[in-house]
Amino acid sequence: MVLEELWTVKELFVYPNEYIYWAIQIVMYPFMTGLVAGAFVLSSLYHLFGIKPLKEIAGFALVFSFALLMVAPLPLLLHLAHPERSLYVVFTPHFTSAIAAFGVVLFVYASVVASELWFLFRKHLVEVSLKLKGKTNKSMAEKIKYGVHTILTLGALDVSEASLKLDAKAIRILAGAGVPIACFLHGYAGFIFGSVKANALWMTPLMPVIFIMSAIVSGVALCLLIYIIIMEMKKFIAPRKSATAASNTLKEIKGVEMNAMQTTVKYLIFFMIFSISLELLDLVFRSYTAVKSWDILRNVIYGKDFINIFLLQYALGNLVPFILLLLPGLTIRRAVPALLLVLFGVFMMRWNVVIGGQSFSLTFSGYMDYQLPIIPRSLETFKEGLGGALLIAVLPFILFWILNKIFPVLETKGTD
């Protein structure tokens, strides 16, 4: 039995060797790489363009981008029958293959983000290292912390004003270089789909641009959502201090949170307008040109996938959150569901591209439906099912928690 038979349901006239080959992990892959690019763009709004209200969220977005980056290739590895062969991409780098080029771009981008992180937190690493160095009778945890921070300083212990100015200059240069690399990192995923001539739904030159814009939307939305949740937790913990200190801390946290949220939402709305416009432009262009495959595409878009595309993606995932964010007097209670819907809308866009692009047969007279494996009955159904998708979704938060032990990105110090 072919593995893909476990989740493929065929209707009408479909070739015997046609199945839904790209399942949930190939949906998660462009979704995760999009979050990486979007988070980095958000951090660059402060580091590159100097937008001061985003100062607190910028460091958080950069660390979160790095955590997402380490998980981004994992969906591909889970999808492969022989993941060990992925090392060939590293050992034999070249640009004649889009996948091989991705390995090179991923390595370059990871180097840029890691370097920017080091320059951004070098002062903190040095301070912690010197503080623990002078402490006697260190506990085991402190010894480990001292060793990690000392290694990460790379021997650069100069924290003078002139040295920190050079660090700030390096951060700005790396942020400027990282933005086009981050966009190319995710645009390549759109390039993979858009260059498949055999698939009528994917073959469009707008696909890379659509992927890039929706990636920025998803990354900004996720960073802001997690930032709000963490700041709300800080406000919950603050009253445990003395009354005066708790009152001052609450005011400071609220001020930082609202300032960052309102500014970030403005840019999020701006990117959403571009993303929605490009997707609708592509849809209108397809219907206007009406190529030979338009009949089957029309049946898929306006028929079988009507609920997924127009109700879940456009209405619930785009229109509703756009209205919620655009209404005056934005509050946290309104922002949180709006951001969740934005992420849902981008995920549905990825779902409709990957799964919807495989839903019609090359006979143009049949259809295939994808049934997500909920209960894993084997390792393959776990990897390509709900369990594998949830694993990919949870891992970045675990990695971010670990990274935050080294790079404390959420210490509220004001917005100057």
Protein backbone atom coordinates (compact mmCIF):
# COMPACT_ATOMS: atom_id res chain seq x y z
CA MET A 1 0.00 0.00 0.00
CA VAL A 2 1.22 3.49 -0.83
CA LEU A 3 1.67 5.58 2.34
CA GLU A 4 -0.34 8.49 0.91
CA GLU A 5 -3.44 6.26 0.69
CA LEU A 6 -3.79 6.71 4.45
CA TRP A 7 -4.95 10.32 4.06
CA THR A 8 -6.10 10.66 0.43
CA VAL A 9 -9.74 10.32 -0.62
CA LYS A 10 -10.41 10.29 -4.36
CA GLU A 11 -13.51 11.43 -6.24
CA LEU A 12 -14.53 10.89 -9.87
CA PHE A 13 -11.76 10.37 -12.45
CA VAL A 14 -8.32 10.33 -10.81
CA TYR A 15 -5.17 8.58 -12.03
CA PRO A 16 -4.23 5.52 -9.94
CA ASN A 17 -0.83 6.99 -9.02
CA GLU A 18 -2.22 10.39 -7.90
CA TYR A 19 -2.33 11.15 -4.19
CA ILE A 20 -1.94 14.04 -1.76
CA TYR A 21 1.85 13.66 -1.50
CA TRP A 22 2.56 16.94 0.31
CA ALA A 23 0.68 16.76 3.60
CA ILE A 24 0.59 18.76 6.84
CA GLN A 25 4.38 19.05 7.26
CA ILE A 26 4.66 20.83 3.90
CA VAL A 27 1.95 23.19 5.16
CA MET A 28 3.88 23.78 8.38
CA TYR A 29 7.15 24.36 6.54
CA PRO A 30 6.25 27.60 4.70
CA PHE A 31 4.23 28.69 7.74
CA MET A 32 7.24 28.37 10.05
CA THR A 33 9.72 29.97 7.65
CA GLY A 34 7.24 32.81 7.25
CA LEU A 35 7.20 33.37 11.00
CA VAL A 36 11.02 33.50 10.94
CA ALA A 37 11.08 36.21 8.27
CA GLY A 38 8.26 38.23 9.82
CA ALA A 39 9.81 38.22 13.30
CA PHE A 40 13.14 39.42 11.91
CA VAL A 41 11.47 42.21 9.93
CA LEU A 42 9.72 43.36 13.10
CA SER A 43 13.01 43.49 15.01
CA SER A 44 14.60 45.43 12.15
CA LEU A 45 11.96 48.15 12.36
CA TYR A 46 13.80 49.32 15.47
CA HIS A 47 17.37 48.19 14.87
CA LEU A 48 17.48 49.46 11.30
CA PHE A 49 14.92 52.27 11.15
CA GLY A 50 15.08 53.40 14.78
CA ILE A 51 11.36 53.26 15.59
CA LYS A 52 11.70 53.80 19.36
CA PRO A 53 8.29 52.48 20.56
CA LEU A 54 9.40 49.07 19.24
CA LYS A 55 12.59 48.99 21.30
CA GLU A 56 11.34 46.47 23.88
CA ILE A 57 9.68 44.15 21.39
CA ALA A 58 12.59 44.31 18.92
CA GLY A 59 14.99 42.26 21.04
CA PHE A 60 12.23 39.79 21.84
CA ALA A 61 11.40 39.41 18.13
CA LEU A 62 15.06 38.81 17.25
CA VAL A 63 15.49 36.03 19.82
CA PHE A 64 12.13 34.52 18.86
CA SER A 65 13.16 34.62 15.19
CA PHE A 66 16.29 32.65 16.07
CA ALA A 67 14.21 30.07 17.99
CA LEU A 68 11.83 29.74 15.03
CA LEU A 69 14.77 29.47 12.64
CA MET A 70 16.12 26.39 14.40
CA VAL A 71 12.75 24.65 14.01
CA ALA A 72 11.94 25.82 10.46
CA PRO A 73 13.79 23.01 8.58
CA LEU A 74 12.32 20.29 10.84
CA PRO A 75 9.03 19.86 8.89
CA LEU A 76 11.05 18.97 5.79
CA LEU A 77 13.10 16.44 7.77
CA LEU A 78 9.94 14.84 9.18
CA HIS A 79 8.47 14.67 5.69
CA LEU A 80 11.50 12.98 4.12
CA ALA A 81 11.69 9.19 3.99
CA HIS A 82 15.48 9.45 4.43
CA PRO A 83 16.17 12.64 6.44
CA GLU A 84 19.83 11.72 6.78
CA ARG A 85 20.26 12.56 3.08
CA SER A 86 19.49 16.21 3.86
CA LEU A 87 23.17 16.59 4.77
CA TYR A 88 23.99 16.41 1.06
CA VAL A 89 22.56 19.93 0.77
CA VAL A 90 25.29 21.12 3.13
CA PHE A 91 28.10 19.02 1.69
CA THR A 92 27.37 19.84 -1.97
CA PRO A 93 26.11 23.46 -2.04
CA HIS A 94 25.09 24.86 -5.42
CA PHE A 95 22.39 27.10 -6.90
CA THR A 96 21.10 24.86 -9.69
CA SER A 97 18.56 23.41 -7.25
CA ALA A 98 16.13 25.54 -5.25
CA ILE A 99 16.36 23.18 -2.27
CA ALA A 100 20.18 23.25 -2.35
CA ALA A 101 20.10 27.05 -2.56
CA PHE A 102 17.82 27.08 0.46
CA GLY A 103 20.49 25.30 2.51
CA VAL A 104 22.99 28.02 1.65
CA VAL A 105 20.52 30.85 2.36
CA LEU A 106 19.46 29.26 5.65
CA PHE A 107 23.08 29.02 6.80
CA VAL A 108 23.80 32.65 5.83
CA TYR A 109 20.64 33.88 7.51
CA ALA A 110 21.35 31.91 10.70
CA SER A 111 24.84 33.43 10.79
CA VAL A 112 23.42 36.95 10.43
CA VAL A 113 20.83 36.46 13.20
CA ALA A 114 23.35 34.82 15.54
CA SER A 115 25.84 37.64 14.94
CA GLU A 116 23.21 40.31 15.55
CA LEU A 117 22.16 38.55 18.76
CA TRP A 118 25.76 38.48 19.95
CA PHE A 119 26.33 42.18 19.33
CA LEU A 120 22.98 43.07 20.90
CA PHE A 121 23.60 41.13 24.13
CA ARG A 122 27.39 41.21 24.34
CA LYS A 123 27.34 43.74 27.17
CA HIS A 124 24.96 41.55 29.16
CA LEU A 125 27.09 38.46 28.56
CA VAL A 126 30.22 40.25 29.76
CA GLU A 127 28.51 41.68 32.85
CA VAL A 128 27.13 38.29 33.91
CA SER A 129 30.48 36.58 33.26
CA LEU A 130 32.48 39.14 35.30
CA LYS A 131 29.91 39.13 38.10
CA LEU A 132 30.00 35.34 38.47
CA LYS A 133 33.78 35.25 38.05
CA GLY A 134 34.26 37.30 41.20
CA LYS A 135 31.81 35.22 43.21
CA THR A 136 33.18 32.52 45.51
CA ASN A 137 31.37 29.29 46.38
CA LYS A 138 29.36 29.18 43.19
CA SER A 139 26.56 26.63 42.96
CA MET A 140 26.48 24.10 40.13
CA ALA A 141 23.87 26.16 38.26
CA GLU A 142 26.02 29.28 38.63
CA LYS A 143 29.08 27.41 37.40
CA ILE A 144 27.19 26.30 34.29
CA LYS A 145 25.84 29.81 33.78
CA TYR A 146 29.31 31.28 34.18
CA GLY A 147 30.79 28.81 31.69
CA VAL A 148 28.08 29.45 29.08
CA HIS A 149 28.25 33.24 29.35
CA THR A 150 32.06 33.27 29.37
CA ILE A 151 32.22 31.15 26.21
CA LEU A 152 29.63 33.34 24.48
CA THR A 153 31.62 36.51 25.15
CA LEU A 154 34.23 35.10 22.74
CA GLY A 155 36.86 36.92 24.77
CA ALA A 156 35.51 40.38 23.83
CA LEU A 157 35.28 41.88 27.33
CA ASP A 158 35.52 45.57 26.39
CA VAL A 159 32.24 47.30 27.29
CA SER A 160 33.43 50.89 27.02
CA GLU A 161 31.23 53.50 25.39
CA ALA A 162 33.28 53.44 22.18
CA SER A 163 33.04 49.66 21.98
CA LEU A 164 29.26 49.68 22.52
CA LYS A 165 28.89 52.26 19.75
CA LEU A 166 30.68 49.88 17.40
CA ASP A 167 28.30 47.12 18.54
CA ALA A 168 25.30 49.33 17.72
CA LYS A 169 26.75 50.08 14.29
CA ALA A 170 27.29 46.37 13.62
CA ILE A 171 23.70 45.61 14.69
CA ARG A 172 22.37 48.16 12.21
CA ILE A 173 24.49 46.77 9.37
CA LEU A 174 23.44 43.19 10.13
CA ALA A 175 19.78 44.20 10.36
CA GLY A 176 20.03 45.88 6.96
CA ALA A 177 21.67 42.81 5.45
CA GLY A 178 19.28 40.43 7.18
CA VAL A 179 16.01 41.89 5.89
CA PRO A 180 16.52 40.95 2.19
CA ILE A 181 17.99 37.58 3.23
CA ALA A 182 14.98 36.88 5.45
CA CYS A 183 12.61 37.82 2.63
CA PHE A 184 14.55 35.63 0.20
CA LEU A 185 14.48 32.78 2.73
CA HIS A 186 10.70 32.71 2.64
CA GLY A 187 10.27 33.97 -0.91
CA TYR A 188 12.11 30.86 -2.03
CA ALA A 189 9.20 28.75 -0.65
CA GLY A 190 6.86 30.68 -2.91
CA PHE A 191 9.35 30.24 -5.73
CA ILE A 192 9.22 26.45 -5.25
CA PHE A 193 5.44 26.43 -5.71
CA GLY A 194 5.28 29.14 -8.36
CA SER A 195 7.79 27.37 -10.60
CA VAL A 196 5.84 24.09 -10.80
CA LYS A 197 4.56 24.28 -14.37
CA ALA A 198 2.53 21.08 -14.04
CA ASN A 199 0.25 22.61 -11.37
CA ALA A 200 -2.26 25.21 -12.55
CA LEU A 201 -2.93 26.65 -9.09
CA TRP A 202 0.73 27.17 -8.18
CA MET A 203 2.10 28.43 -11.48
CA THR A 204 2.11 32.21 -11.01
CA PRO A 205 4.98 34.74 -10.74
CA LEU A 206 3.12 36.43 -7.86
CA MET A 207 3.51 33.41 -5.60
CA PRO A 208 6.91 34.42 -4.06
CA VAL A 209 5.71 37.97 -3.37
CA ILE A 210 2.46 36.73 -1.84
CA PHE A 211 4.41 34.37 0.40
CA ILE A 212 6.77 37.14 1.53
CA MET A 213 4.02 39.61 2.46
CA SER A 214 1.91 37.02 4.29
CA ALA A 215 5.08 35.86 6.06
CA ILE A 216 5.71 39.34 7.45
CA VAL A 217 2.07 39.53 8.57
CA SER A 218 2.25 36.19 10.41
CA GLY A 219 5.63 36.91 12.05
CA VAL A 220 4.59 40.34 13.31
CA ALA A 221 1.26 38.97 14.59
CA LEU A 222 2.84 36.06 16.46
CA CYS A 223 5.56 38.19 18.07
CA LEU A 224 3.03 40.77 19.23
CA LEU A 225 0.68 38.06 20.53
CA ILE A 226 3.39 36.31 22.59
CA TYR A 227 4.75 39.67 23.75
CA ILE A 228 1.29 40.67 25.05
CA ILE A 229 0.83 37.33 26.82
CA ILE A 230 4.20 37.60 28.57
CA MET A 231 3.63 41.23 29.57
CA GLU A 232 0.19 40.29 30.97
CA MET A 233 1.87 37.56 33.03
CA LYS A 234 4.33 40.18 34.31
CA LYS A 235 1.43 42.39 35.39
CA PHE A 236 -0.09 39.42 37.20
CA ILE A 237 3.17 38.73 39.07
CA ALA A 238 3.95 42.41 39.91
CA PRO A 239 1.40 42.84 42.79
CA ARG A 240 3.38 40.34 44.87
CA LYS A 241 5.91 43.11 45.54
CA SER A 242 5.36 45.97 47.99
CA ALA A 243 2.38 48.22 47.24
CA THR A 244 4.43 51.22 46.03
CA ALA A 245 6.87 49.16 43.98
CA ALA A 246 4.00 47.08 42.50
CA SER A 247 2.09 50.21 41.48
CA ASN A 248 5.11 51.73 39.74
CA THR A 249 5.96 48.43 38.04
CA LEU A 250 2.38 47.96 36.80
CA LYS A 251 2.31 51.46 35.32
CA GLU A 252 5.66 50.91 33.63
CA ILE A 253 4.63 47.54 32.16
CA LYS A 254 1.28 48.88 30.95
CA GLY A 255 2.95 51.88 29.33
CA VAL A 256 5.56 49.78 27.53
CA GLU A 257 2.97 47.18 26.48
CA MET A 258 0.38 49.62 25.09
CA ASN A 259 2.99 51.75 23.33
CA ALA A 260 4.57 48.73 21.65
CA MET A 261 1.21 47.19 20.80
CA GLN A 262 -0.26 50.30 19.19
CA THR A 263 2.84 50.95 17.11
CA THR A 264 3.19 47.32 16.01
CA VAL A 265 -0.49 47.11 15.03
CA LYS A 266 -0.05 50.08 12.71
CA TYR A 267 2.66 48.26 10.79
CA LEU A 268 0.71 45.02 10.91
CA ILE A 269 -2.29 46.69 9.26
CA PHE A 270 0.01 48.15 6.62
CA PHE A 271 1.46 44.72 5.76
CA MET A 272 -2.01 43.12 5.84
CA ILE A 273 -3.26 45.56 3.20
CA PHE A 274 -0.42 44.60 0.86
CA SER A 275 -0.84 40.88 1.53
CA ILE A 276 -4.61 40.82 0.97
CA SER A 277 -4.32 43.02 -2.12
CA LEU A 278 -1.77 40.70 -3.73
CA GLU A 279 -3.84 37.59 -3.04
CA LEU A 280 -7.00 39.16 -4.48
CA LEU A 281 -5.03 40.50 -7.46
CA ASP A 282 -3.81 36.98 -8.21
CA LEU A 283 -7.35 35.61 -7.98
CA VAL A 284 -8.76 38.31 -10.27
CA PHE A 285 -5.92 37.83 -12.76
CA ARG A 286 -6.57 34.09 -12.96
CA SER A 287 -10.28 34.59 -13.60
CA TYR A 288 -9.61 37.29 -16.19
CA THR A 289 -7.04 35.32 -18.21
CA ALA A 290 -9.08 32.10 -17.91
CA VAL A 291 -6.41 29.74 -19.21
CA LYS A 292 -7.17 26.16 -20.24
CA SER A 293 -7.08 24.91 -16.65
CA TRP A 294 -9.41 27.64 -15.35
CA ASP A 295 -12.50 25.41 -15.45
CA ILE A 296 -11.08 22.95 -12.93
CA LEU A 297 -9.55 25.78 -10.87
CA ARG A 298 -12.90 27.57 -10.74
CA ASN A 299 -14.55 24.39 -9.47
CA VAL A 300 -11.90 24.08 -6.77
CA ILE A 301 -11.79 27.75 -5.73
CA TYR A 302 -15.51 28.55 -5.89
CA GLY A 303 -16.77 25.04 -5.21
CA LYS A 304 -14.90 22.44 -3.20
CA ASP A 305 -12.62 24.87 -1.33
CA PHE A 306 -15.06 27.77 -1.08
CA ILE A 307 -15.35 27.49 2.71
CA ASN A 308 -11.58 27.18 3.21
CA ILE A 309 -10.71 30.08 0.93
CA PHE A 310 -13.47 32.66 1.22
CA LEU A 311 -14.94 31.98 4.66
CA LEU A 312 -11.97 30.73 6.72
CA GLN A 313 -9.05 32.46 4.99
CA TYR A 314 -10.46 35.73 3.64
CA ALA A 315 -13.43 36.43 5.93
CA LEU A 316 -12.40 34.95 9.29
CA GLY A 317 -8.63 35.18 8.84
CA ASN A 318 -8.36 38.55 7.05
CA LEU A 319 -11.50 40.69 7.09
CA VAL A 320 -12.58 40.15 10.72
CA PRO A 321 -9.14 40.81 12.32
CA PHE A 322 -8.55 43.73 9.94
CA ILE A 323 -11.74 45.39 11.21
CA LEU A 324 -10.94 44.56 14.85
CA LEU A 325 -7.48 46.11 14.59
CA LEU A 326 -8.64 49.11 12.57
CA LEU A 327 -11.40 50.19 14.96
CA PRO A 328 -10.34 53.08 17.25
CA GLY A 329 -9.57 52.52 20.92
CA LEU A 330 -7.73 49.23 20.49
CA THR A 331 -7.58 47.19 23.68
CA ILE A 332 -5.67 44.06 24.61
CA ARG A 333 -8.89 42.05 24.84
CA ARG A 334 -9.66 42.97 21.23
CA ALA A 335 -6.09 42.65 19.99
CA VAL A 336 -5.50 39.08 21.20
CA PRO A 337 -8.37 37.40 19.27
CA ALA A 338 -7.58 39.58 16.24
CA LEU A 339 -3.94 38.41 16.25
CA LEU A 340 -5.02 34.78 16.64
CA LEU A 341 -7.31 35.17 13.64
CA VAL A 342 -4.49 36.75 11.61
CA LEU A 343 -2.30 33.70 12.30
CA PHE A 344 -5.21 31.41 11.44
CA GLY A 345 -5.74 33.26 8.16
CA VAL A 346 -2.08 32.91 7.14
CA PHE A 347 -2.10 29.23 8.08
CA MET A 348 -5.23 28.70 5.96
CA MET A 349 -3.50 30.47 3.06
CA ARG A 350 -0.64 27.96 3.33
CA TRP A 351 -3.15 25.11 3.63
CA ASN A 352 -5.12 26.24 0.59
CA VAL A 353 -1.97 26.60 -1.50
CA VAL A 354 -0.35 23.29 -0.53
CA ILE A 355 -3.41 21.06 -0.11
CA GLY A 356 -5.68 22.92 -2.51
CA GLY A 357 -3.03 22.77 -5.21
CA GLN A 358 -3.12 18.98 -5.03
CA SER A 359 -6.89 18.60 -4.73
CA PHE A 360 -7.61 18.32 -8.46
CA SER A 361 -6.47 15.50 -10.71
CA LEU A 362 -4.31 15.96 -13.80
CA THR A 363 -7.25 14.46 -15.68
CA PHE A 364 -9.09 17.74 -14.88
CA SER A 365 -12.11 15.51 -14.19
CA GLY A 366 -11.50 14.35 -10.63
CA TYR A 367 -10.68 15.55 -7.14
CA MET A 368 -8.76 14.43 -4.08
CA ASP A 369 -9.48 15.29 -0.44
CA TYR A 370 -6.94 15.30 2.37
CA GLN A 371 -7.89 13.79 5.73
CA LEU A 372 -5.48 14.84 8.47
CA PRO A 373 -4.50 11.82 10.62
CA ILE A 374 -5.64 12.70 14.14
CA ILE A 375 -4.81 9.47 15.98
CA PRO A 376 -1.34 8.18 15.01
CA ARG A 377 -1.38 4.51 14.08
CA SER A 378 2.25 4.47 13.00
CA LEU A 379 5.32 6.68 13.00
CA GLU A 380 4.44 8.00 9.54
CA THR A 381 0.89 8.97 10.52
CA PHE A 382 2.33 10.74 13.57
CA LYS A 383 4.83 12.72 11.50
CA GLU A 384 2.27 13.61 8.83
CA GLY A 385 -0.61 14.02 11.27
CA LEU A 386 -1.84 16.29 14.04
CA GLY A 387 0.86 15.09 16.45
CA GLY A 388 3.69 16.09 14.11
CA ALA A 389 2.13 19.49 13.43
CA LEU A 390 1.71 20.20 17.16
CA LEU A 391 5.31 19.15 17.79
CA ILE A 392 6.54 21.71 15.25
CA ALA A 393 4.27 24.38 16.75
CA VAL A 394 5.46 23.83 20.35
CA LEU A 395 9.23 23.46 19.81
CA PRO A 396 9.95 27.19 19.12
CA PHE A 397 8.46 28.17 22.47
CA ILE A 398 10.63 25.63 24.30
CA LEU A 399 13.71 26.90 22.49
CA PHE A 400 12.75 30.52 23.21
CA TRP A 401 12.43 29.71 26.92
CA ILE A 402 15.94 28.25 26.87
CA LEU A 403 17.37 31.19 24.89
CA ASN A 404 15.72 33.66 27.26
CA LYS A 405 17.86 32.24 30.06
CA ILE A 406 20.90 33.52 28.17
CA PHE A 407 19.40 36.56 26.41
CA PRO A 408 16.88 38.18 28.83
CA VAL A 409 14.79 40.01 26.28
CA LEU A 410 11.78 40.93 28.40
CA GLU A 411 13.26 43.03 31.18
CA THR A 412 11.10 46.12 31.20
CA LYS A 413 13.33 49.19 31.27
CA GLY A 414 11.19 51.76 29.58
CA THR A 415 10.97 52.87 25.99
CA ASP A 416 13.63 55.55 25.71
